[in-house]
Amino acid sequence: MAKVLILSGAGISAESGISTFRDSGGLWEEYDVSVVCNYDSMQKHEELTIEFYDKRRAELESKEPNYAHKVIADLKRRYGRDIVVITQNVDNLFEKAGLKSSDIIHLHGFLREIRCQDPYCEQIFDIGYTKQREFNGGGCPSCGSKLRPNIVFFGEQAPKYEELGRHVQDCELLVVIGTSGNVIGVNTMAQFATRSILNNYEPSSAINDAYFSKVLYKKATEAVDEIAEEIESFLDSINSLKKL
């Protein structure tokens, strides 16, 4: 398992212009979240749900990774398996910053992908930034069943959480960037790590920053150099000890 776990949330992508659930205005206020983001949305409001995710997917095409994405991507390339990058975000900004799909764990799914709804098939297809219905007429090429966004809706199980749990238990340095802590209990995560860093733009009522070794309340792009220095120092010291 990796020695460093970097967990990112909406705050890191907000600086690239990706609208967040809590933002006022924009795409999220055009739709009722309980209608298009719920576990039964595809059954009760199929067309509206597909329309919403088509718009979110199209939004990604023009968005570019910011400095924080690029620094983290560079760290992952240089240190490889010593760092695991896990994100709550469904965008592809880390991929645009140079990470391979195998280099990052998307806890809540990936907007570019759709998957078959048949539980015996569940094949996944990367459709880029196109509309869902434009891919094979909206049907699975393998079995003909209906397709859906490859996103974890509210009320659904998130399979990648088991993987997150394993990495949390084994990591020595935890870095949390741009998350409110309302979905994932980062307070508990911080207590597993030997050292931990929290970077949010402002305090969150769901996070007790006393559990973290270092707290940086500033934009991710402003904090990431200091975070990178901490990670480099931590990993370099460990790797030096291995050579003794």
C-alpha atoms as a PDB file:
ATOM      1  CA  MET A   1       0.000   0.000   0.000  1.00  0.00           C
ATOM      2  CA  ALA A   2       1.041   3.614  -0.549  1.00  0.00           C
ATOM      3  CA  LYS A   3       2.778   5.587   2.188  1.00  0.00           C
ATOM      4  CA  VAL A   4       0.999   8.827   1.201  1.00  0.00           C
ATOM      5  CA  LEU A   5      -2.731   9.156   0.538  1.00  0.00           C
ATOM      6  CA  ILE A   6      -3.970  12.304  -1.196  1.00  0.00           C
ATOM      7  CA  LEU A   7      -7.757  12.709  -0.983  1.00  0.00           C
ATOM      8  CA  SER A   8      -9.306  15.555  -2.957  1.00  0.00           C
ATOM      9  CA  GLY A   9     -12.799  16.990  -3.137  1.00  0.00           C
ATOM     10  CA  ALA A  10     -14.723  19.627  -5.048  1.00  0.00           C
ATOM     11  CA  GLY A  11     -12.528  22.461  -3.748  1.00  0.00           C
ATOM     12  CA  ILE A  12      -9.569  21.498  -5.911  1.00  0.00           C
ATOM     13  CA  SER A  13     -11.610  21.557  -9.133  1.00  0.00           C
ATOM     14  CA  ALA A  14     -13.608  24.663  -8.260  1.00  0.00           C
ATOM     15  CA  GLU A  15     -10.553  26.746  -9.180  1.00  0.00           C
ATOM     16  CA  SER A  16     -10.799  25.306 -12.691  1.00  0.00           C
ATOM     17  CA  GLY A  17     -14.382  26.487 -13.007  1.00  0.00           C
ATOM     18  CA  ILE A  18     -16.127  23.203 -12.234  1.00  0.00           C
ATOM     19  CA  SER A  19     -19.370  24.099 -10.483  1.00  0.00           C
ATOM     20  CA  THR A  20     -19.912  22.376  -7.127  1.00  0.00           C
ATOM     21  CA  PHE A  21     -23.010  21.072  -5.430  1.00  0.00           C
ATOM     22  CA  ARG A  22     -23.001  23.956  -2.960  1.00  0.00           C
ATOM     23  CA  ASP A  23     -22.364  26.746  -5.460  1.00  0.00           C
ATOM     24  CA  SER A  24     -25.085  29.301  -6.066  1.00  0.00           C
ATOM     25  CA  GLY A  25     -26.102  29.695  -9.689  1.00  0.00           C
ATOM     26  CA  GLY A  26     -25.096  27.519 -12.581  1.00  0.00           C
ATOM     27  CA  LEU A  27     -26.013  23.985 -13.513  1.00  0.00           C
ATOM     28  CA  TRP A  28     -26.734  22.704 -10.021  1.00  0.00           C
ATOM     29  CA  GLU A  29     -29.489  25.265  -9.461  1.00  0.00           C
ATOM     30  CA  GLU A  30     -31.193  24.416 -12.766  1.00  0.00           C
ATOM     31  CA  TYR A  31     -32.127  20.950 -11.491  1.00  0.00           C
ATOM     32  CA  ASP A  32     -33.599  19.466  -8.332  1.00  0.00           C
ATOM     33  CA  VAL A  33     -30.813  17.308  -6.914  1.00  0.00           C
ATOM     34  CA  SER A  34     -33.323  14.943  -5.305  1.00  0.00           C
ATOM     35  CA  VAL A  35     -34.752  14.316  -8.782  1.00  0.00           C
ATOM     36  CA  VAL A  36     -31.581  13.811 -10.870  1.00  0.00           C
ATOM     37  CA  CYS A  37     -28.978  12.573  -8.350  1.00  0.00           C
ATOM     38  CA  ASN A  38     -30.906  10.004  -6.324  1.00  0.00           C
ATOM     39  CA  TYR A  39     -30.649   6.215  -6.363  1.00  0.00           C
ATOM     40  CA  ASP A  40     -34.020   5.946  -8.159  1.00  0.00           C
ATOM     41  CA  SER A  41     -33.492   8.850 -10.581  1.00  0.00           C
ATOM     42  CA  MET A  42     -32.965   6.629 -13.618  1.00  0.00           C
ATOM     43  CA  GLN A  43     -36.206   4.780 -12.894  1.00  0.00           C
ATOM     44  CA  LYS A  44     -38.397   7.779 -12.064  1.00  0.00           C
ATOM     45  CA  HIS A  45     -36.858  10.620 -14.083  1.00  0.00           C
ATOM     46  CA  GLU A  46     -34.728   8.962 -16.746  1.00  0.00           C
ATOM     47  CA  GLU A  47     -34.750  11.651 -19.431  1.00  0.00           C
ATOM     48  CA  LEU A  48     -34.153  14.529 -17.013  1.00  0.00           C
ATOM     49  CA  THR A  49     -31.348  12.641 -15.281  1.00  0.00           C
ATOM     50  CA  ILE A  50     -29.612  11.819 -18.556  1.00  0.00           C
ATOM     51  CA  GLU A  51     -29.979  15.456 -19.644  1.00  0.00           C
ATOM     52  CA  PHE A  52     -28.365  16.683 -16.417  1.00  0.00           C
ATOM     53  CA  TYR A  53     -25.340  14.408 -16.723  1.00  0.00           C
ATOM     54  CA  ASP A  54     -25.015  15.147 -20.440  1.00  0.00           C
ATOM     55  CA  LYS A  55     -24.643  18.829 -19.516  1.00  0.00           C
ATOM     56  CA  ARG A  56     -22.138  18.090 -16.761  1.00  0.00           C
ATOM     57  CA  ARG A  57     -20.118  15.924 -19.147  1.00  0.00           C
ATOM     58  CA  ALA A  58     -20.135  18.590 -21.849  1.00  0.00           C
ATOM     59  CA  GLU A  59     -18.969  21.163 -19.286  1.00  0.00           C
ATOM     60  CA  LEU A  60     -15.740  19.220 -18.795  1.00  0.00           C
ATOM     61  CA  GLU A  61     -14.508  19.564 -22.353  1.00  0.00           C
ATOM     62  CA  SER A  62     -13.430  23.185 -21.980  1.00  0.00           C
ATOM     63  CA  LYS A  63     -12.105  22.916 -18.423  1.00  0.00           C
ATOM     64  CA  GLU A  64      -8.378  22.712 -17.767  1.00  0.00           C
ATOM     65  CA  PRO A  65      -6.436  21.374 -14.777  1.00  0.00           C
ATOM     66  CA  ASN A  66      -5.129  24.033 -12.442  1.00  0.00           C
ATOM     67  CA  TYR A  67      -1.753  24.296 -10.743  1.00  0.00           C
ATOM     68  CA  ALA A  68      -2.800  22.019  -7.863  1.00  0.00           C
ATOM     69  CA  HIS A  69      -3.827  19.203 -10.231  1.00  0.00           C
ATOM     70  CA  LYS A  70      -0.527  19.519 -12.089  1.00  0.00           C
ATOM     71  CA  VAL A  71       1.657  19.447  -8.962  1.00  0.00           C
ATOM     72  CA  ILE A  72      -0.131  16.379  -7.597  1.00  0.00           C
ATOM     73  CA  ALA A  73       0.112  14.643 -10.973  1.00  0.00           C
ATOM     74  CA  ASP A  74       3.857  15.356 -11.042  1.00  0.00           C
ATOM     75  CA  LEU A  75       4.294  13.946  -7.527  1.00  0.00           C
ATOM     76  CA  LYS A  76       2.464  10.764  -8.502  1.00  0.00           C
ATOM     77  CA  ARG A  77       4.624  10.335 -11.609  1.00  0.00           C
ATOM     78  CA  ARG A  78       7.831  10.786  -9.629  1.00  0.00           C
ATOM     79  CA  TYR A  79       7.005   8.679  -6.571  1.00  0.00           C
ATOM     80  CA  GLY A  80       4.762   6.086  -8.168  1.00  0.00           C
ATOM     81  CA  ARG A  81       3.363   3.519  -5.764  1.00  0.00           C
ATOM     82  CA  ASP A  82       4.453   5.516  -2.713  1.00  0.00           C
ATOM     83  CA  ILE A  83       1.514   7.871  -3.385  1.00  0.00           C
ATOM     84  CA  VAL A  84      -2.132   7.014  -3.992  1.00  0.00           C
ATOM     85  CA  VAL A  85      -4.386   9.725  -5.426  1.00  0.00           C
ATOM     86  CA  ILE A  86      -8.059   9.333  -4.517  1.00  0.00           C
ATOM     87  CA  THR A  87     -10.741  11.848  -5.469  1.00  0.00           C
ATOM     88  CA  GLN A  88     -14.396  12.412  -4.714  1.00  0.00           C
ATOM     89  CA  ASN A  89     -14.627  14.324  -7.991  1.00  0.00           C
ATOM     90  CA  VAL A  90     -16.128  12.838 -11.146  1.00  0.00           C
ATOM     91  CA  ASP A  91     -14.265  15.173 -13.508  1.00  0.00           C
ATOM     92  CA  ASN A  92     -11.161  14.278 -15.525  1.00  0.00           C
ATOM     93  CA  LEU A  93      -8.874  17.133 -14.532  1.00  0.00           C
ATOM     94  CA  PHE A  94      -6.232  14.878 -12.991  1.00  0.00           C
ATOM     95  CA  GLU A  95      -6.249  12.875 -16.216  1.00  0.00           C
ATOM     96  CA  LYS A  96      -5.872  16.093 -18.198  1.00  0.00           C
ATOM     97  CA  ALA A  97      -2.937  16.953 -15.926  1.00  0.00           C
ATOM     98  CA  GLY A  98      -1.196  13.790 -17.095  1.00  0.00           C
ATOM     99  CA  LEU A  99      -2.314  10.947 -14.830  1.00  0.00           C
ATOM    100  CA  LYS A 100      -3.352   7.645 -16.371  1.00  0.00           C
ATOM    101  CA  SER A 101      -6.747   6.238 -15.443  1.00  0.00           C
ATOM    102  CA  SER A 102      -4.933   3.582 -13.425  1.00  0.00           C
ATOM    103  CA  ASP A 103      -3.128   6.290 -11.429  1.00  0.00           C
ATOM    104  CA  ILE A 104      -6.245   7.682  -9.742  1.00  0.00           C
ATOM    105  CA  ILE A 105      -9.214   6.263  -7.856  1.00  0.00           C
ATOM    106  CA  HIS A 106     -12.546   8.003  -8.521  1.00  0.00           C
ATOM    107  CA  LEU A 107     -14.684   7.225  -5.475  1.00  0.00           C
ATOM    108  CA  HIS A 108     -17.947   8.491  -6.918  1.00  0.00           C
ATOM    109  CA  GLY A 109     -17.565   7.497 -10.552  1.00  0.00           C
ATOM    110  CA  PHE A 110     -16.377   9.194 -13.710  1.00  0.00           C
ATOM    111  CA  LEU A 111     -18.435  11.558 -15.851  1.00  0.00           C
ATOM    112  CA  ARG A 112     -16.924  10.498 -19.168  1.00  0.00           C
ATOM    113  CA  GLU A 113     -18.171   6.968 -18.617  1.00  0.00           C
ATOM    114  CA  ILE A 114     -21.550   5.279 -18.921  1.00  0.00           C
ATOM    115  CA  ARG A 115     -22.300   1.709 -17.919  1.00  0.00           C
ATOM    116  CA  CYS A 116     -24.820  -1.019 -18.605  1.00  0.00           C
ATOM    117  CA  GLN A 117     -27.661  -1.249 -16.088  1.00  0.00           C
ATOM    118  CA  ASP A 118     -27.930  -5.029 -16.404  1.00  0.00           C
ATOM    119  CA  PRO A 119     -26.288  -6.431 -13.225  1.00  0.00           C
ATOM    120  CA  TYR A 120     -25.023  -9.428 -15.223  1.00  0.00           C
ATOM    121  CA  CYS A 121     -23.284  -7.184 -17.733  1.00  0.00           C
ATOM    122  CA  GLU A 122     -22.356  -3.774 -16.241  1.00  0.00           C
ATOM    123  CA  GLN A 123     -19.859  -3.051 -18.999  1.00  0.00           C
ATOM    124  CA  ILE A 124     -18.376   0.448 -18.880  1.00  0.00           C
ATOM    125  CA  PHE A 125     -17.863   2.695 -21.898  1.00  0.00           C
ATOM    126  CA  ASP A 126     -15.884   5.940 -22.160  1.00  0.00           C
ATOM    127  CA  ILE A 127     -17.931   8.261 -24.391  1.00  0.00           C
ATOM    128  CA  GLY A 128     -15.793  11.359 -23.987  1.00  0.00           C
ATOM    129  CA  TYR A 129     -17.944  14.488 -23.877  1.00  0.00           C
ATOM    130  CA  THR A 130     -20.830  13.289 -26.031  1.00  0.00           C
ATOM    131  CA  LYS A 131     -24.449  12.797 -25.033  1.00  0.00           C
ATOM    132  CA  GLN A 132     -25.437   9.416 -23.669  1.00  0.00           C
ATOM    133  CA  ARG A 133     -28.074   8.768 -26.361  1.00  0.00           C
ATOM    134  CA  GLU A 134     -25.481   9.376 -29.083  1.00  0.00           C
ATOM    135  CA  PHE A 135     -23.603   6.243 -28.033  1.00  0.00           C
ATOM    136  CA  ASN A 136     -25.109   3.170 -29.715  1.00  0.00           C
ATOM    137  CA  GLY A 137     -28.565   4.726 -29.542  1.00  0.00           C
ATOM    138  CA  GLY A 138     -28.488   4.612 -25.749  1.00  0.00           C
ATOM    139  CA  GLY A 139     -28.282   0.821 -25.568  1.00  0.00           C
ATOM    140  CA  CYS A 140     -25.507  -1.475 -24.400  1.00  0.00           C
ATOM    141  CA  PRO A 141     -23.515  -2.849 -27.394  1.00  0.00           C
ATOM    142  CA  SER A 142     -23.020  -6.125 -25.547  1.00  0.00           C
ATOM    143  CA  CYS A 143     -26.473  -7.028 -24.275  1.00  0.00           C
ATOM    144  CA  GLY A 144     -28.866  -4.332 -25.491  1.00  0.00           C
ATOM    145  CA  SER A 145     -29.881  -3.191 -22.010  1.00  0.00           C
ATOM    146  CA  LYS A 146     -30.240   0.453 -21.011  1.00  0.00           C
ATOM    147  CA  LEU A 147     -27.198   2.490 -20.091  1.00  0.00           C
ATOM    148  CA  ARG A 148     -26.696   4.967 -17.251  1.00  0.00           C
ATOM    149  CA  PRO A 149     -24.053   7.480 -16.141  1.00  0.00           C
ATOM    150  CA  ASN A 150     -21.220   5.700 -14.341  1.00  0.00           C
ATOM    151  CA  ILE A 151     -21.794   7.849 -11.275  1.00  0.00           C
ATOM    152  CA  VAL A 152     -22.605   6.916  -7.680  1.00  0.00           C
ATOM    153  CA  PHE A 153     -26.028   8.407  -6.994  1.00  0.00           C
ATOM    154  CA  PHE A 154     -27.163   9.436  -3.513  1.00  0.00           C
ATOM    155  CA  GLY A 155     -28.288   6.318  -1.658  1.00  0.00           C
ATOM    156  CA  GLU A 156     -26.208   3.916  -3.763  1.00  0.00           C
ATOM    157  CA  GLN A 157     -23.262   1.893  -2.545  1.00  0.00           C
ATOM    158  CA  ALA A 158     -19.836   3.211  -3.534  1.00  0.00           C
ATOM    159  CA  PRO A 159     -17.671   0.148  -4.320  1.00  0.00           C
ATOM    160  CA  LYS A 160     -14.420   2.118  -4.225  1.00  0.00           C
ATOM    161  CA  TYR A 161     -14.921   2.957  -0.535  1.00  0.00           C
ATOM    162  CA  GLU A 162     -13.503  -0.447   0.400  1.00  0.00           C
ATOM    163  CA  GLU A 163     -10.343   0.443  -1.480  1.00  0.00           C
ATOM    164  CA  LEU A 164     -10.238   3.810   0.291  1.00  0.00           C
ATOM    165  CA  GLY A 165     -10.534   2.053   3.644  1.00  0.00           C
ATOM    166  CA  ARG A 166      -7.575  -0.207   2.918  1.00  0.00           C
ATOM    167  CA  HIS A 167      -5.381   2.715   1.918  1.00  0.00           C
ATOM    168  CA  VAL A 168      -6.419   4.753   4.978  1.00  0.00           C
ATOM    169  CA  GLN A 169      -5.389   1.982   7.351  1.00  0.00           C
ATOM    170  CA  ASP A 170      -1.957   1.642   5.765  1.00  0.00           C
ATOM    171  CA  CYS A 171      -0.965   5.195   4.857  1.00  0.00           C
ATOM    172  CA  GLU A 172       1.502   7.125   7.005  1.00  0.00           C
ATOM    173  CA  LEU A 173       0.849  10.617   5.621  1.00  0.00           C
ATOM    174  CA  LEU A 174      -2.717  11.698   4.834  1.00  0.00           C
ATOM    175  CA  VAL A 175      -3.351  14.804   2.719  1.00  0.00           C
ATOM    176  CA  VAL A 176      -6.931  16.110   2.455  1.00  0.00           C
ATOM    177  CA  ILE A 177      -7.580  18.857  -0.112  1.00  0.00           C
ATOM    178  CA  GLY A 178     -10.800  20.716  -0.861  1.00  0.00           C
ATOM    179  CA  THR A 179     -13.447  18.637   0.890  1.00  0.00           C
ATOM    180  CA  SER A 180     -16.145  19.667   3.370  1.00  0.00           C
ATOM    181  CA  GLY A 181     -16.013  16.363   5.228  1.00  0.00           C
ATOM    182  CA  ASN A 182     -19.787  15.982   4.951  1.00  0.00           C
ATOM    183  CA  VAL A 183     -19.586  12.870   2.775  1.00  0.00           C
ATOM    184  CA  ILE A 184     -16.363  11.219   3.945  1.00  0.00           C
ATOM    185  CA  GLY A 185     -15.325  11.234   7.604  1.00  0.00           C
ATOM    186  CA  VAL A 186     -11.860  12.720   7.301  1.00  0.00           C
ATOM    187  CA  ASN A 187     -11.652  13.232  11.076  1.00  0.00           C
ATOM    188  CA  THR A 188     -11.476   9.464  11.547  1.00  0.00           C
ATOM    189  CA  MET A 189      -9.086   9.077   8.632  1.00  0.00           C
ATOM    190  CA  ALA A 190      -6.638  11.561  10.153  1.00  0.00           C
ATOM    191  CA  GLN A 191      -6.419   9.494  13.324  1.00  0.00           C
ATOM    192  CA  PHE A 192      -5.084   6.497  11.396  1.00  0.00           C
ATOM    193  CA  ALA A 193      -2.158   8.388   9.884  1.00  0.00           C
ATOM    194  CA  THR A 194       1.149   9.225  11.550  1.00  0.00           C
ATOM    195  CA  ARG A 195       0.985  12.689  10.012  1.00  0.00           C
ATOM    196  CA  SER A 196      -1.866  14.526   8.286  1.00  0.00           C
ATOM    197  CA  ILE A 197      -2.425  17.738   6.327  1.00  0.00           C
ATOM    198  CA  LEU A 198      -5.734  19.526   5.787  1.00  0.00           C
ATOM    199  CA  ASN A 199      -6.146  22.114   3.044  1.00  0.00           C
ATOM    200  CA  ASN A 200      -9.482  23.849   2.618  1.00  0.00           C
ATOM    201  CA  TYR A 201     -10.338  27.371   1.556  1.00  0.00           C
ATOM    202  CA  GLU A 202     -12.140  27.880   4.894  1.00  0.00           C
ATOM    203  CA  PRO A 203     -13.095  25.836   7.990  1.00  0.00           C
ATOM    204  CA  SER A 204     -15.909  23.300   7.733  1.00  0.00           C
ATOM    205  CA  SER A 205     -18.315  22.442  10.536  1.00  0.00           C
ATOM    206  CA  ALA A 206     -17.890  18.753   9.653  1.00  0.00           C
ATOM    207  CA  ILE A 207     -14.113  18.758  10.150  1.00  0.00           C
ATOM    208  CA  ASN A 208     -12.263  19.060  13.463  1.00  0.00           C
ATOM    209  CA  ASP A 209      -8.918  20.438  12.338  1.00  0.00           C
ATOM    210  CA  ALA A 210      -7.370  19.554  15.717  1.00  0.00           C
ATOM    211  CA  TYR A 211      -6.967  16.025  14.360  1.00  0.00           C
ATOM    212  CA  PHE A 212      -4.590  17.239  11.656  1.00  0.00           C
ATOM    213  CA  SER A 213      -0.859  17.851  12.038  1.00  0.00           C
ATOM    214  CA  LYS A 214      -0.920  20.821   9.656  1.00  0.00           C
ATOM    215  CA  VAL A 215      -3.862  22.977   8.562  1.00  0.00           C
ATOM    216  CA  LEU A 216      -3.786  25.319   5.554  1.00  0.00           C
ATOM    217  CA  TYR A 217      -6.853  27.493   5.032  1.00  0.00           C
ATOM    218  CA  LYS A 218      -6.237  28.858   1.559  1.00  0.00           C
ATOM    219  CA  LYS A 219      -6.906  27.956  -2.066  1.00  0.00           C
ATOM    220  CA  ALA A 220      -5.469  24.640  -3.208  1.00  0.00           C
ATOM    221  CA  THR A 221      -3.339  26.386  -5.831  1.00  0.00           C
ATOM    222  CA  GLU A 222      -1.824  28.535  -3.084  1.00  0.00           C
ATOM    223  CA  ALA A 223      -1.210  25.660  -0.659  1.00  0.00           C
ATOM    224  CA  VAL A 224      -0.031  22.915  -2.993  1.00  0.00           C
ATOM    225  CA  ASP A 225       3.660  23.899  -3.083  1.00  0.00           C
ATOM    226  CA  GLU A 226       3.894  23.665   0.706  1.00  0.00           C
ATOM    227  CA  ILE A 227       2.009  20.365   0.595  1.00  0.00           C
ATOM    228  CA  ALA A 228       4.360  19.041  -2.084  1.00  0.00           C
ATOM    229  CA  GLU A 229       7.413  19.987  -0.001  1.00  0.00           C
ATOM    230  CA  GLU A 230       5.980  18.076   2.966  1.00  0.00           C
ATOM    231  CA  ILE A 231       5.324  15.004   0.833  1.00  0.00           C
ATOM    232  CA  GLU A 232       8.756  15.111  -0.804  1.00  0.00           C
ATOM    233  CA  SER A 233      10.519  15.516   2.535  1.00  0.00           C
ATOM    234  CA  PHE A 234       8.485  12.705   4.085  1.00  0.00           C
ATOM    235  CA  LEU A 235       9.066  10.216   1.272  1.00  0.00           C
ATOM    236  CA  ASP A 236      12.714  11.134   0.709  1.00  0.00           C
ATOM    237  CA  SER A 237      13.486  10.567   4.391  1.00  0.00           C
ATOM    238  CA  ILE A 238      11.785   7.165   4.348  1.00  0.00           C
ATOM    239  CA  ASN A 239      13.523   6.090   1.154  1.00  0.00           C
ATOM    240  CA  SER A 240      16.887   7.234   2.539  1.00  0.00           C
ATOM    241  CA  LEU A 241      16.421   5.036   5.602  1.00  0.00           C
ATOM    242  CA  LYS A 242      15.761   2.058   3.354  1.00  0.00           C
ATOM    243  CA  LYS A 243      19.197   2.470   1.771  1.00  0.00           C
ATOM    244  CA  LEU A 244      21.036   2.333   5.110  1.00  0.00           C
END
